[in-house]
PDB file of N, CA and C in Angstrom:
ATOM      1  N   MET A   1     121.927  78.677  88.883  1.00  0.00           N
ATOM      2  CA  MET A   1     121.072  78.611  90.053  1.00  0.00           C
ATOM      3  C   MET A   1     121.659  79.521  91.127  1.00  0.00           C
ATOM      4  N   LYS A   2     120.775  80.196  91.851  1.00  0.00           N
ATOM      5  CA  LYS A   2     121.206  81.016  92.974  1.00  0.00           C
ATOM      6  C   LYS A   2     120.840  80.296  94.268  1.00  0.00           C
ATOM      7  N   ILE A   3     121.804  80.285  95.187  1.00  0.00           N
ATOM      8  CA  ILE A   3     121.654  79.612  96.474  1.00  0.00           C
ATOM      9  C   ILE A   3     121.858  80.640  97.580  1.00  0.00           C
ATOM     10  N   ALA A   4     120.987  80.632  98.586  1.00  0.00           N
ATOM     11  CA  ALA A   4     121.177  81.455  99.781  1.00  0.00           C
ATOM     12  C   ALA A   4     121.681  80.548 100.899  1.00  0.00           C
ATOM     13  N   ILE A   5     122.662  81.019 101.630  1.00  0.00           N
ATOM     14  CA  ILE A   5     123.214  80.272 102.758  1.00  0.00           C
ATOM     15  C   ILE A   5     123.189  81.190 103.973  1.00  0.00           C
ATOM     16  N   THR A   6     122.669  80.700 105.093  1.00  0.00           N
ATOM     17  CA  THR A   6     122.713  81.509 106.307  1.00  0.00           C
ATOM     18  C   THR A   6     124.166  81.595 106.754  1.00  0.00           C
ATOM     19  N   CYS A   7     124.622  82.828 106.990  1.00  0.00           N
ATOM     20  CA  CYS A   7     126.042  83.040 107.239  1.00  0.00           C
ATOM     21  C   CYS A   7     126.230  84.309 108.055  1.00  0.00           C
ATOM     22  N   ASN A   8     127.382  84.456 108.695  1.00  0.00           N
ATOM     23  CA  ASN A   8     127.645  85.674 109.455  1.00  0.00           C
ATOM     24  C   ASN A   8     128.766  86.500 108.836  1.00  0.00           C
ATOM     25  N   SER A   9     129.104  86.200 107.582  1.00  0.00           N
ATOM     26  CA  SER A   9     130.177  86.925 106.907  1.00  0.00           C
ATOM     27  C   SER A   9     129.990  86.785 105.400  1.00  0.00           C
ATOM     28  N   ASP A  10     130.779  87.529 104.643  1.00  0.00           N
ATOM     29  CA  ASP A  10     130.691  87.412 103.192  1.00  0.00           C
ATOM     30  C   ASP A  10     131.697  86.416 102.632  1.00  0.00           C
ATOM     31  N   SER A  11     132.276  85.598 103.493  1.00  0.00           N
ATOM     32  CA  SER A  11     133.273  84.617 103.085  1.00  0.00           C
ATOM     33  C   SER A  11     132.648  83.239 102.912  1.00  0.00           C
ATOM     34  N   LEU A  12     132.990  82.586 101.831  1.00  0.00           N
ATOM     35  CA  LEU A  12     132.534  81.207 101.620  1.00  0.00           C
ATOM     36  C   LEU A  12     133.129  80.252 102.648  1.00  0.00           C
ATOM     37  N   ASP A  13     134.197  80.685 103.312  1.00  0.00           N
ATOM     38  CA  ASP A  13     134.833  79.831 104.312  1.00  0.00           C
ATOM     39  C   ASP A  13     134.259  80.014 105.717  1.00  0.00           C
ATOM     40  N   ALA A  14     133.276  80.878 105.853  1.00  0.00           N
ATOM     41  CA  ALA A  14     132.586  81.061 107.140  1.00  0.00           C
ATOM     42  C   ALA A  14     131.642  79.882 107.369  1.00  0.00           C
ATOM     43  N   PRO A  15     131.360  79.571 108.625  1.00  0.00           N
ATOM     44  CA  PRO A  15     130.426  78.469 108.895  1.00  0.00           C
ATOM     45  C   PRO A  15     128.991  78.847 108.549  1.00  0.00           C
ATOM     46  N   VAL A  16     128.214  77.837 108.197  1.00  0.00           N
ATOM     47  CA  VAL A  16     126.784  78.025 107.994  1.00  0.00           C
ATOM     48  C   VAL A  16     126.175  78.379 109.344  1.00  0.00           C
ATOM     49  N   ASP A  17     125.398  79.469 109.388  1.00  0.00           N
ATOM     50  CA  ASP A  17     124.723  79.862 110.623  1.00  0.00           C
ATOM     51  C   ASP A  17     123.577  78.886 110.849  1.00  0.00           C
ATOM     52  N   PRO A  18     123.486  78.263 112.031  1.00  0.00           N
ATOM     53  CA  PRO A  18     122.425  77.285 112.268  1.00  0.00           C
ATOM     54  C   PRO A  18     121.033  77.903 112.359  1.00  0.00           C
ATOM     55  N   ARG A  19     120.958  79.224 112.538  1.00  0.00           N
ATOM     56  CA  ARG A  19     119.661  79.911 112.642  1.00  0.00           C
ATOM     57  C   ARG A  19     119.233  80.379 111.257  1.00  0.00           C
ATOM     58  N   PHE A  20     117.928  80.417 111.052  1.00  0.00           N
ATOM     59  CA  PHE A  20     117.440  80.995 109.802  1.00  0.00           C
ATOM     60  C   PHE A  20     116.891  82.399 110.033  1.00  0.00           C
ATOM     61  N   GLY A  21     115.790  82.517 110.733  1.00  0.00           N
ATOM     62  CA  GLY A  21     115.133  83.802 110.911  1.00  0.00           C
ATOM     63  C   GLY A  21     116.006  84.857 111.550  1.00  0.00           C
ATOM     64  N   ARG A  22     116.886  84.449 112.426  1.00  0.00           N
ATOM     65  CA  ARG A  22     117.757  85.395 113.129  1.00  0.00           C
ATOM     66  C   ARG A  22     119.220  85.250 112.712  1.00  0.00           C
ATOM     67  N   ALA A  23     119.440  84.682 111.547  1.00  0.00           N
ATOM     68  CA  ALA A  23     120.807  84.601 111.010  1.00  0.00           C
ATOM     69  C   ALA A  23     121.344  86.010 110.799  1.00  0.00           C
ATOM     70  N   ALA A  24     122.642  86.162 110.894  1.00  0.00           N
ATOM     71  CA  ALA A  24     123.243  87.481 110.698  1.00  0.00           C
ATOM     72  C   ALA A  24     123.000  88.000 109.287  1.00  0.00           C
ATOM     73  N   SER A  25     123.120  87.109 108.308  1.00  0.00           N
ATOM     74  CA  SER A  25     122.947  87.509 106.922  1.00  0.00           C
ATOM     75  C   SER A  25     122.772  86.273 106.049  1.00  0.00           C
ATOM     76  N   PHE A  26     122.521  86.546 104.776  1.00  0.00           N
ATOM     77  CA  PHE A  26     122.401  85.479 103.789  1.00  0.00           C
ATOM     78  C   PHE A  26     123.462  85.716 102.725  1.00  0.00           C
ATOM     79  N   LEU A  27     124.274  84.714 102.498  1.00  0.00           N
ATOM     80  CA  LEU A  27     125.272  84.777 101.443  1.00  0.00           C
ATOM     81  C   LEU A  27     124.616  84.183 100.200  1.00  0.00           C
ATOM     82  N   ILE A  28     124.490  84.980  99.158  1.00  0.00           N
ATOM     83  CA  ILE A  28     123.873  84.527  97.914  1.00  0.00           C
ATOM     84  C   ILE A  28     124.991  84.112  96.963  1.00  0.00           C
ATOM     85  N   PHE A  29     124.933  82.871  96.512  1.00  0.00           N
ATOM     86  CA  PHE A  29     125.950  82.322  95.615  1.00  0.00           C
ATOM     87  C   PHE A  29     125.291  81.959  94.295  1.00  0.00           C
ATOM     88  N   ASP A  30     125.837  82.465  93.196  1.00  0.00           N
ATOM     89  CA  ASP A  30     125.344  82.162  91.851  1.00  0.00           C
ATOM     90  C   ASP A  30     126.229  81.068  91.276  1.00  0.00           C
ATOM     91  N   THR A  31     125.663  79.896  91.039  1.00  0.00           N
ATOM     92  CA  THR A  31     126.465  78.757  90.568  1.00  0.00           C
ATOM     93  C   THR A  31     126.983  78.953  89.148  1.00  0.00           C
ATOM     94  N   GLU A  32     126.319  79.799  88.357  1.00  0.00           N
ATOM     95  CA  GLU A  32     126.767  80.024  86.975  1.00  0.00           C
ATOM     96  C   GLU A  32     127.978  80.948  86.915  1.00  0.00           C
ATOM     97  N   THR A  33     127.968  82.002  87.727  1.00  0.00           N
ATOM     98  CA  THR A  33     129.060  82.982  87.687  1.00  0.00           C
ATOM     99  C   THR A  33     130.049  82.803  88.831  1.00  0.00           C
ATOM    100  N   GLU A  34     129.668  82.025  89.837  1.00  0.00           N
ATOM    101  CA  GLU A  34     130.450  81.822  91.070  1.00  0.00           C
ATOM    102  C   GLU A  34     130.668  83.127  91.831  1.00  0.00           C
ATOM    103  N   GLN A  35     129.782  84.082  91.618  1.00  0.00           N
ATOM    104  CA  GLN A  35     129.823  85.351  92.337  1.00  0.00           C
ATOM    105  C   GLN A  35     128.984  85.239  93.606  1.00  0.00           C
ATOM    106  N   THR A  36     129.384  86.002  94.624  1.00  0.00           N
ATOM    107  CA  THR A  36     128.634  86.036  95.872  1.00  0.00           C
ATOM    108  C   THR A  36     128.222  87.473  96.176  1.00  0.00           C
ATOM    109  N   ARG A  37     127.155  87.588  96.936  1.00  0.00           N
ATOM    110  CA  ARG A  37     126.770  88.886  97.482  1.00  0.00           C
ATOM    111  C   ARG A  37     126.133  88.625  98.840  1.00  0.00           C
ATOM    112  N   LEU A  38     126.267  89.578  99.716  1.00  0.00           N
ATOM    113  CA  LEU A  38     125.765  89.444 101.075  1.00  0.00           C
ATOM    114  C   LEU A  38     124.473  90.249 101.219  1.00  0.00           C
ATOM    115  N   VAL A  39     123.451  89.587 101.753  1.00  0.00           N
ATOM    116  CA  VAL A  39     122.175  90.250 102.036  1.00  0.00           C
ATOM    117  C   VAL A  39     122.029  90.281 103.553  1.00  0.00           C
ATOM    118  N   PRO A  40     122.115  91.454 104.163  1.00  0.00           N
ATOM    119  CA  PRO A  40     122.008  91.547 105.621  1.00  0.00           C
ATOM    120  C   PRO A  40     120.622  91.139 106.111  1.00  0.00           C
ATOM    121  N   ASN A  41     120.569  90.640 107.328  1.00  0.00           N
ATOM    122  CA  ASN A  41     119.312  90.248 107.958  1.00  0.00           C
ATOM    123  C   ASN A  41     119.156  90.979 109.293  1.00  0.00           C
ATOM    124  N   GLU A  42     119.769  92.122 109.396  1.00  0.00           N
ATOM    125  CA  GLU A  42     119.807  92.874 110.657  1.00  0.00           C
ATOM    126  C   GLU A  42     118.415  93.183 111.208  1.00  0.00           C
ATOM    127  N   GLN A  43     117.490  93.542 110.322  1.00  0.00           N
ATOM    128  CA  GLN A  43     116.150  93.915 110.780  1.00  0.00           C
ATOM    129  C   GLN A  43     115.447  92.767 111.485  1.00  0.00           C
ATOM    130  N   ASN A  44     115.797  91.534 111.171  1.00  0.00           N
ATOM    131  CA  ASN A  44     115.119  90.387 111.770  1.00  0.00           C
ATOM    132  C   ASN A  44     115.842  89.834 112.999  1.00  0.00           C
ATOM    133  N   ARG A  45     117.084  90.172 113.165  1.00  0.00           N
ATOM    134  CA  ARG A  45     117.837  89.659 114.312  1.00  0.00           C
ATOM    135  C   ARG A  45     117.261  90.141 115.630  1.00  0.00           C
ATOM    136  N   GLN A  46     116.693  91.345 115.641  1.00  0.00           N
ATOM    137  CA  GLN A  46     116.159  91.918 116.866  1.00  0.00           C
ATOM    138  C   GLN A  46     114.634  91.906 116.919  1.00  0.00           C
ATOM    139  N   ALA A  47     114.000  91.340 115.924  1.00  0.00           N
ATOM    140  CA  ALA A  47     112.532  91.324 115.870  1.00  0.00           C
ATOM    141  C   ALA A  47     111.963  90.510 117.035  1.00  0.00           C
ATOM    142  N   THR A  48     110.902  91.023 117.637  1.00  0.00           N
ATOM    143  CA  THR A  48     110.272  90.285 118.734  1.00  0.00           C
ATOM    144  C   THR A  48     109.410  89.158 118.200  1.00  0.00           C
ATOM    145  N   GLN A  49     108.859  89.328 117.019  1.00  0.00           N
ATOM    146  CA  GLN A  49     108.053  88.293 116.377  1.00  0.00           C
ATOM    147  C   GLN A  49     108.226  88.374 114.873  1.00  0.00           C
ATOM    148  N   GLY A  50     107.967  87.269 114.190  1.00  0.00           N
ATOM    149  CA  GLY A  50     107.941  87.265 112.740  1.00  0.00           C
ATOM    150  C   GLY A  50     109.281  87.235 112.046  1.00  0.00           C
ATOM    151  N   ALA A  51     110.363  86.973 112.779  1.00  0.00           N
ATOM    152  CA  ALA A  51     111.695  86.983 112.162  1.00  0.00           C
ATOM    153  C   ALA A  51     111.799  85.960 111.038  1.00  0.00           C
ATOM    154  N   GLY A  52     111.270  84.770 111.256  1.00  0.00           N
ATOM    155  CA  GLY A  52     111.354  83.720 110.236  1.00  0.00           C
ATOM    156  C   GLY A  52     110.559  84.051 108.996  1.00  0.00           C
ATOM    157  N   ILE A  53     109.368  84.595 109.187  1.00  0.00           N
ATOM    158  CA  ILE A  53     108.518  84.964 108.053  1.00  0.00           C
ATOM    159  C   ILE A  53     109.198  86.063 107.232  1.00  0.00           C
ATOM    160  N   GLN A  54     109.696  87.079 107.908  1.00  0.00           N
ATOM    161  CA  GLN A  54     110.356  88.189 107.212  1.00  0.00           C
ATOM    162  C   GLN A  54     111.641  87.736 106.529  1.00  0.00           C
ATOM    163  N   ALA A  55     112.419  86.891 107.207  1.00  0.00           N
ATOM    164  CA  ALA A  55     113.646  86.373 106.603  1.00  0.00           C
ATOM    165  C   ALA A  55     113.313  85.511 105.392  1.00  0.00           C
ATOM    166  N   GLY A  56     112.244  84.732 105.490  1.00  0.00           N
ATOM    167  CA  GLY A  56     111.807  83.926 104.357  1.00  0.00           C
ATOM    168  C   GLY A  56     111.483  84.790 103.155  1.00  0.00           C
ATOM    169  N   GLN A  57     110.790  85.901 103.391  1.00  0.00           N
ATOM    170  CA  GLN A  57     110.450  86.799 102.294  1.00  0.00           C
ATOM    171  C   GLN A  57     111.704  87.455 101.715  1.00  0.00           C
ATOM    172  N   THR A  58     112.670  87.772 102.569  1.00  0.00           N
ATOM    173  CA  THR A  58     113.939  88.342 102.099  1.00  0.00           C
ATOM    174  C   THR A  58     114.630  87.378 101.148  1.00  0.00           C
ATOM    175  N   VAL A  59     114.649  86.095 101.511  1.00  0.00           N
ATOM    176  CA  VAL A  59     115.292  85.074 100.672  1.00  0.00           C
ATOM    177  C   VAL A  59     114.527  84.900  99.361  1.00  0.00           C
ATOM    178  N   VAL A  60     113.207  84.847  99.430  1.00  0.00           N
ATOM    179  CA  VAL A  60     112.396  84.728  98.209  1.00  0.00           C
ATOM    180  C   VAL A  60     112.658  85.929  97.297  1.00  0.00           C
ATOM    181  N   ASP A  61     112.678  87.131  97.877  1.00  0.00           N
ATOM    182  CA  ASP A  61     112.901  88.351  97.098  1.00  0.00           C
ATOM    183  C   ASP A  61     114.297  88.397  96.472  1.00  0.00           C
ATOM    184  N   ALA A  62     115.247  87.653  97.034  1.00  0.00           N
ATOM    185  CA  ALA A  62     116.605  87.607  96.490  1.00  0.00           C
ATOM    186  C   ALA A  62     116.674  86.764  95.216  1.00  0.00           C
ATOM    187  N   GLY A  63     115.586  86.081  94.885  1.00  0.00           N
ATOM    188  CA  GLY A  63     115.538  85.328  93.638  1.00  0.00           C
ATOM    189  C   GLY A  63     116.291  84.018  93.639  1.00  0.00           C
ATOM    190  N   VAL A  64     116.422  83.424  94.812  1.00  0.00           N
ATOM    191  CA  VAL A  64     117.141  82.153  94.893  1.00  0.00           C
ATOM    192  C   VAL A  64     116.178  80.979  94.690  1.00  0.00           C
ATOM    193  N   SER A  65     116.737  79.844  94.336  1.00  0.00           N
ATOM    194  CA  SER A  65     115.912  78.640  94.204  1.00  0.00           C
ATOM    195  C   SER A  65     116.214  77.630  95.296  1.00  0.00           C
ATOM    196  N   ALA A  66     117.272  77.892  96.083  1.00  0.00           N
ATOM    197  CA  ALA A  66     117.647  76.978  97.155  1.00  0.00           C
ATOM    198  C   ALA A  66     118.163  77.763  98.353  1.00  0.00           C
ATOM    199  N   LEU A  67     117.922  77.220  99.536  1.00  0.00           N
ATOM    200  CA  LEU A  67     118.422  77.783 100.791  1.00  0.00           C
ATOM    201  C   LEU A  67     119.128  76.681 101.546  1.00  0.00           C
ATOM    202  N   ILE A  68     120.316  76.989 102.054  1.00  0.00           N
ATOM    203  CA  ILE A  68     121.041  76.074 102.937  1.00  0.00           C
ATOM    204  C   ILE A  68     121.115  76.739 104.299  1.00  0.00           C
ATOM    205  N   THR A  69     120.637  76.040 105.316  1.00  0.00           N
ATOM    206  CA  THR A  69     120.641  76.566 106.678  1.00  0.00           C
ATOM    207  C   THR A  69     120.733  75.397 107.645  1.00  0.00           C
ATOM    208  N   GLY A  70     120.910  75.726 108.906  1.00  0.00           N
ATOM    209  CA  GLY A  70     120.951  74.677 109.920  1.00  0.00           C
ATOM    210  C   GLY A  70     119.576  74.277 110.403  1.00  0.00           C
ATOM    211  N   ASN A  71     118.682  75.252 110.515  1.00  0.00           N
ATOM    212  CA  ASN A  71     117.345  75.012 111.051  1.00  0.00           C
ATOM    213  C   ASN A  71     116.366  75.990 110.443  1.00  0.00           C
ATOM    214  N   VAL A  72     115.104  75.551 110.368  1.00  0.00           N
ATOM    215  CA  VAL A  72     114.057  76.429 109.867  1.00  0.00           C
ATOM    216  C   VAL A  72     112.747  76.066 110.551  1.00  0.00           C
ATOM    217  N   GLY A  73     112.010  77.093 110.956  1.00  0.00           N
ATOM    218  CA  GLY A  73     110.734  76.887 111.625  1.00  0.00           C
ATOM    219  C   GLY A  73     109.586  76.750 110.638  1.00  0.00           C
ATOM    220  N   PRO A  74     108.398  76.400 111.152  1.00  0.00           N
ATOM    221  CA  PRO A  74     107.261  76.111 110.272  1.00  0.00           C
ATOM    222  C   PRO A  74     106.735  77.309 109.481  1.00  0.00           C
ATOM    223  N   LYS A  75     106.664  78.484 110.073  1.00  0.00           N
ATOM    224  CA  LYS A  75     106.147  79.650 109.351  1.00  0.00           C
ATOM    225  C   LYS A  75     107.116  80.080 108.250  1.00  0.00           C
ATOM    226  N   ALA A  76     108.393  80.100 108.578  1.00  0.00           N
ATOM    227  CA  ALA A  76     109.405  80.441 107.571  1.00  0.00           C
ATOM    228  C   ALA A  76     109.399  79.410 106.452  1.00  0.00           C
ATOM    229  N   PHE A  77     109.266  78.146 106.811  1.00  0.00           N
ATOM    230  CA  PHE A  77     109.257  77.093 105.795  1.00  0.00           C
ATOM    231  C   PHE A  77     108.110  77.303 104.814  1.00  0.00           C
ATOM    232  N   ARG A  78     106.944  77.658 105.337  1.00  0.00           N
ATOM    233  CA  ARG A  78     105.785  77.880 104.451  1.00  0.00           C
ATOM    234  C   ARG A  78     106.035  79.038 103.484  1.00  0.00           C
ATOM    235  N   VAL A  79     106.660  80.114 103.953  1.00  0.00           N
ATOM    236  CA  VAL A  79     106.974  81.251 103.085  1.00  0.00           C
ATOM    237  C   VAL A  79     107.951  80.817 101.992  1.00  0.00           C
ATOM    238  N   LEU A  80     108.980  80.091 102.385  1.00  0.00           N
ATOM    239  CA  LEU A  80     109.982  79.628 101.423  1.00  0.00           C
ATOM    240  C   LEU A  80     109.360  78.685 100.401  1.00  0.00           C
ATOM    241  N   GLU A  81     108.559  77.754 100.876  1.00  0.00           N
ATOM    242  CA  GLU A  81     107.915  76.785  99.991  1.00  0.00           C
ATOM    243  C   GLU A  81     106.991  77.499  98.996  1.00  0.00           C
ATOM    244  N   ALA A  82     106.208  78.457  99.488  1.00  0.00           N
ATOM    245  CA  ALA A  82     105.309  79.216  98.616  1.00  0.00           C
ATOM    246  C   ALA A  82     106.088  80.024  97.579  1.00  0.00           C
ATOM    247  N   GLY A  83     107.299  80.436  97.931  1.00  0.00           N
ATOM    248  CA  GLY A  83     108.149  81.204  97.024  1.00  0.00           C
ATOM    249  C   GLY A  83     108.983  80.351  96.092  1.00  0.00           C
ATOM    250  N   GLY A  84     108.815  79.031  96.164  1.00  0.00           N
ATOM    251  CA  GLY A  84     109.548  78.134  95.272  1.00  0.00           C
ATOM    252  C   GLY A  84     110.988  77.885  95.667  1.00  0.00           C
ATOM    253  N   VAL A  85     111.317  78.117  96.935  1.00  0.00           N
ATOM    254  CA  VAL A  85     112.687  77.915  97.419  1.00  0.00           C
ATOM    255  C   VAL A  85     112.769  76.559  98.124  1.00  0.00           C
ATOM    256  N   LYS A  86     113.646  75.689  97.636  1.00  0.00           N
ATOM    257  CA  LYS A  86     113.873  74.402  98.297  1.00  0.00           C
ATOM    258  C   LYS A  86     114.816  74.623  99.473  1.00  0.00           C
ATOM    259  N   VAL A  87     114.541  73.948 100.579  1.00  0.00           N
ATOM    260  CA  VAL A  87     115.331  74.109 101.803  1.00  0.00           C
ATOM    261  C   VAL A  87     116.194  72.877 102.017  1.00  0.00           C
ATOM    262  N   TYR A  88     117.473  73.126 102.244  1.00  0.00           N
ATOM    263  CA  TYR A  88     118.444  72.069 102.518  1.00  0.00           C
ATOM    264  C   TYR A  88     119.063  72.346 103.883  1.00  0.00           C
ATOM    265  N   LEU A  89     119.228  71.314 104.686  1.00  0.00           N
ATOM    266  CA  LEU A  89     119.794  71.469 106.018  1.00  0.00           C
ATOM    267  C   LEU A  89     121.243  71.014 106.031  1.00  0.00           C
ATOM    268  N   ALA A  90     122.088  71.827 106.617  1.00  0.00           N
ATOM    269  CA  ALA A  90     123.512  71.503 106.751  1.00  0.00           C
ATOM    270  C   ALA A  90     123.971  72.010 108.104  1.00  0.00           C
ATOM    271  N   ASP A  91     124.783  71.234 108.775  1.00  0.00           N
ATOM    272  CA  ASP A  91     125.220  71.590 110.119  1.00  0.00           C
ATOM    273  C   ASP A  91     126.722  71.432 110.240  1.00  0.00           C
ATOM    274  N   GLN A  92     127.353  72.398 110.860  1.00  0.00           N
ATOM    275  CA  GLN A  92     128.774  72.368 111.186  1.00  0.00           C
ATOM    276  C   GLN A  92     129.674  72.187 109.963  1.00  0.00           C
ATOM    277  N   VAL A  93     129.343  72.951 108.919  1.00  0.00           N
ATOM    278  CA  VAL A  93     130.176  72.990 107.721  1.00  0.00           C
ATOM    279  C   VAL A  93     130.315  74.443 107.294  1.00  0.00           C
ATOM    280  N   THR A  94     131.267  74.715 106.437  1.00  0.00           N
ATOM    281  CA  THR A  94     131.408  76.060 105.892  1.00  0.00           C
ATOM    282  C   THR A  94     130.415  76.238 104.753  1.00  0.00           C
ATOM    283  N   CYS A  95     130.218  77.477 104.377  1.00  0.00           N
ATOM    284  CA  CYS A  95     129.340  77.756 103.242  1.00  0.00           C
ATOM    285  C   CYS A  95     129.862  77.064 101.986  1.00  0.00           C
ATOM    286  N   ARG A  96     131.165  77.111 101.772  1.00  0.00           N
ATOM    287  CA  ARG A  96     131.781  76.461 100.611  1.00  0.00           C
ATOM    288  C   ARG A  96     131.507  74.955 100.620  1.00  0.00           C
ATOM    289  N   GLU A  97     131.667  74.316 101.771  1.00  0.00           N
ATOM    290  CA  GLU A  97     131.411  72.867 101.880  1.00  0.00           C
ATOM    291  C   GLU A  97     129.941  72.545 101.641  1.00  0.00           C
ATOM    292  N   ALA A  98     129.057  73.401 102.136  1.00  0.00           N
ATOM    293  CA  ALA A  98     127.624  73.177 101.949  1.00  0.00           C
ATOM    294  C   ALA A  98     127.242  73.290 100.476  1.00  0.00           C
ATOM    295  N   ILE A  99     127.781  74.276  99.788  1.00  0.00           N
ATOM    296  CA  ILE A  99     127.504  74.439  98.357  1.00  0.00           C
ATOM    297  C   ILE A  99     128.019  73.237  97.579  1.00  0.00           C
ATOM    298  N   ALA A 100     129.234  72.797  97.899  1.00  0.00           N
ATOM    299  CA  ALA A 100     129.810  71.634  97.215  1.00  0.00           C
ATOM    300  C   ALA A 100     128.957  70.387  97.449  1.00  0.00           C
ATOM    301  N   ALA A 101     128.470  70.213  98.676  1.00  0.00           N
ATOM    302  CA  ALA A 101     127.631  69.051  98.989  1.00  0.00           C
ATOM    303  C   ALA A 101     126.314  69.119  98.209  1.00  0.00           C
ATOM    304  N   LEU A 102     125.740  70.304  98.097  1.00  0.00           N
ATOM    305  CA  LEU A 102     124.503  70.456  97.325  1.00  0.00           C
ATOM    306  C   LEU A 102     124.750  70.148  95.853  1.00  0.00           C
ATOM    307  N   GLN A 103     125.807  70.697  95.302  1.00  0.00           N
ATOM    308  CA  GLN A 103     126.103  70.475  93.885  1.00  0.00           C
ATOM    309  C   GLN A 103     126.447  69.017  93.588  1.00  0.00           C
ATOM    310  N   ALA A 104     126.996  68.318  94.571  1.00  0.00           N
ATOM    311  CA  ALA A 104     127.342  66.901  94.387  1.00  0.00           C
ATOM    312  C   ALA A 104     126.165  65.976  94.676  1.00  0.00           C
ATOM    313  N   GLY A 105     125.034  66.559  95.073  1.00  0.00           N
ATOM    314  CA  GLY A 105     123.860  65.744  95.355  1.00  0.00           C
ATOM    315  C   GLY A 105     123.882  65.072  96.719  1.00  0.00           C
ATOM    316  N   ARG A 106     124.730  65.574  97.627  1.00  0.00           N
ATOM    317  CA  ARG A 106     124.829  64.972  98.955  1.00  0.00           C
ATOM    318  C   ARG A 106     123.896  65.607  99.976  1.00  0.00           C
ATOM    319  N   LEU A 107     123.209  66.681  99.599  1.00  0.00           N
ATOM    320  CA  LEU A 107     122.202  67.292 100.470  1.00  0.00           C
ATOM    321  C   LEU A 107     120.832  67.016  99.872  1.00  0.00           C
ATOM    322  N   GLU A 108     119.915  66.590 100.700  1.00  0.00           N
ATOM    323  CA  GLU A 108     118.541  66.377 100.246  1.00  0.00           C
ATOM    324  C   GLU A 108     117.671  67.505 100.765  1.00  0.00           C
ATOM    325  N   SER A 109     116.729  67.924  99.935  1.00  0.00           N
ATOM    326  CA  SER A 109     115.820  68.966 100.400  1.00  0.00           C
ATOM    327  C   SER A 109     114.898  68.388 101.464  1.00  0.00           C
ATOM    328  N   THR A 110     114.505  69.242 102.384  1.00  0.00           N
ATOM    329  CA  THR A 110     113.596  68.814 103.439  1.00  0.00           C
ATOM    330  C   THR A 110     112.168  69.180 103.046  1.00  0.00           C
ATOM    331  N   SER A 111     111.231  68.377 103.486  1.00  0.00           N
ATOM    332  CA  SER A 111     109.837  68.611 103.113  1.00  0.00           C
ATOM    333  C   SER A 111     109.042  69.280 104.234  1.00  0.00           C
ATOM    334  N   ALA A 112     109.741  69.629 105.319  1.00  0.00           N
ATOM    335  CA  ALA A 112     109.058  70.245 106.459  1.00  0.00           C
ATOM    336  C   ALA A 112     110.078  70.974 107.333  1.00  0.00           C
ATOM    337  N   ALA A 113     109.564  71.821 108.205  1.00  0.00           N
ATOM    338  CA  ALA A 113     110.418  72.503 109.183  1.00  0.00           C
ATOM    339  C   ALA A 113     111.050  71.473 110.113  1.00  0.00           C
ATOM    340  N   ASN A 114     112.226  71.794 110.625  1.00  0.00           N
ATOM    341  CA  ASN A 114     112.871  70.887 111.577  1.00  0.00           C
ATOM    342  C   ASN A 114     112.922  71.473 112.993  1.00  0.00           C
ATOM    343  N   ARG A 115     112.305  72.639 113.184  1.00  0.00           N
ATOM    344  CA  ARG A 115     112.235  73.280 114.505  1.00  0.00           C
ATOM    345  C   ARG A 115     110.813  73.804 114.734  1.00  0.00           C
ATOM    346  N   PRO A 116     110.396  73.848 115.996  1.00  0.00           N
ATOM    347  CA  PRO A 116     109.104  74.459 116.287  1.00  0.00           C
ATOM    348  C   PRO A 116     109.207  75.981 116.133  1.00  0.00           C
ATOM    349  N   GLY A 117     108.086  76.656 116.106  1.00  0.00           N
ATOM    350  CA  GLY A 117     108.094  78.110 116.028  1.00  0.00           C
ATOM    351  C   GLY A 117     108.727  78.726 117.268  1.00  0.00           C
ATOM    352  N   HIS A 118     109.228  79.937 117.118  1.00  0.00           N
ATOM    353  CA  HIS A 118     109.840  80.717 118.218  1.00  0.00           C
ATOM    354  C   HIS A 118     111.073  80.065 118.793  1.00  0.00           C
ATOM    355  N   TRP A 119     111.834  79.364 117.976  1.00  0.00           N
ATOM    356  CA  TRP A 119     113.101  78.811 118.389  1.00  0.00           C
ATOM    357  C   TRP A 119     114.178  79.841 118.121  1.00  0.00           C
ATOM    358  N   SER A 120     115.076  80.071 119.048  1.00  0.00           N
ATOM    359  CA  SER A 120     116.133  81.040 118.787  1.00  0.00           C
ATOM    360  C   SER A 120     117.424  80.331 118.750  1.00  0.00           C
TER     361      SER A 120
END
């Protein structure tokens, strides 16, 4: 399984970025190979509108089945849901801790956005 985590570095020990659409980047973790790769989100960090939708499409295009983030808005959530990506919320943990919690079944997927649109 491939997991995307909102992050500001390519280190598993970096904290989960609480933002989705304007996160610095997405750390993609492959649970089978334990390999990581960083997908930048620079184009959406400065977007005046549509950052969540575009970031959602970036994550879907990365071929992941799960996303771990701190927050997600309604438009981004719809893109992720349509792309078959389950969304998990994690706050104030490292990427490594979030992945471990997901693999241990301690994170539950959310069925809706947890932030209104245009939240920064």
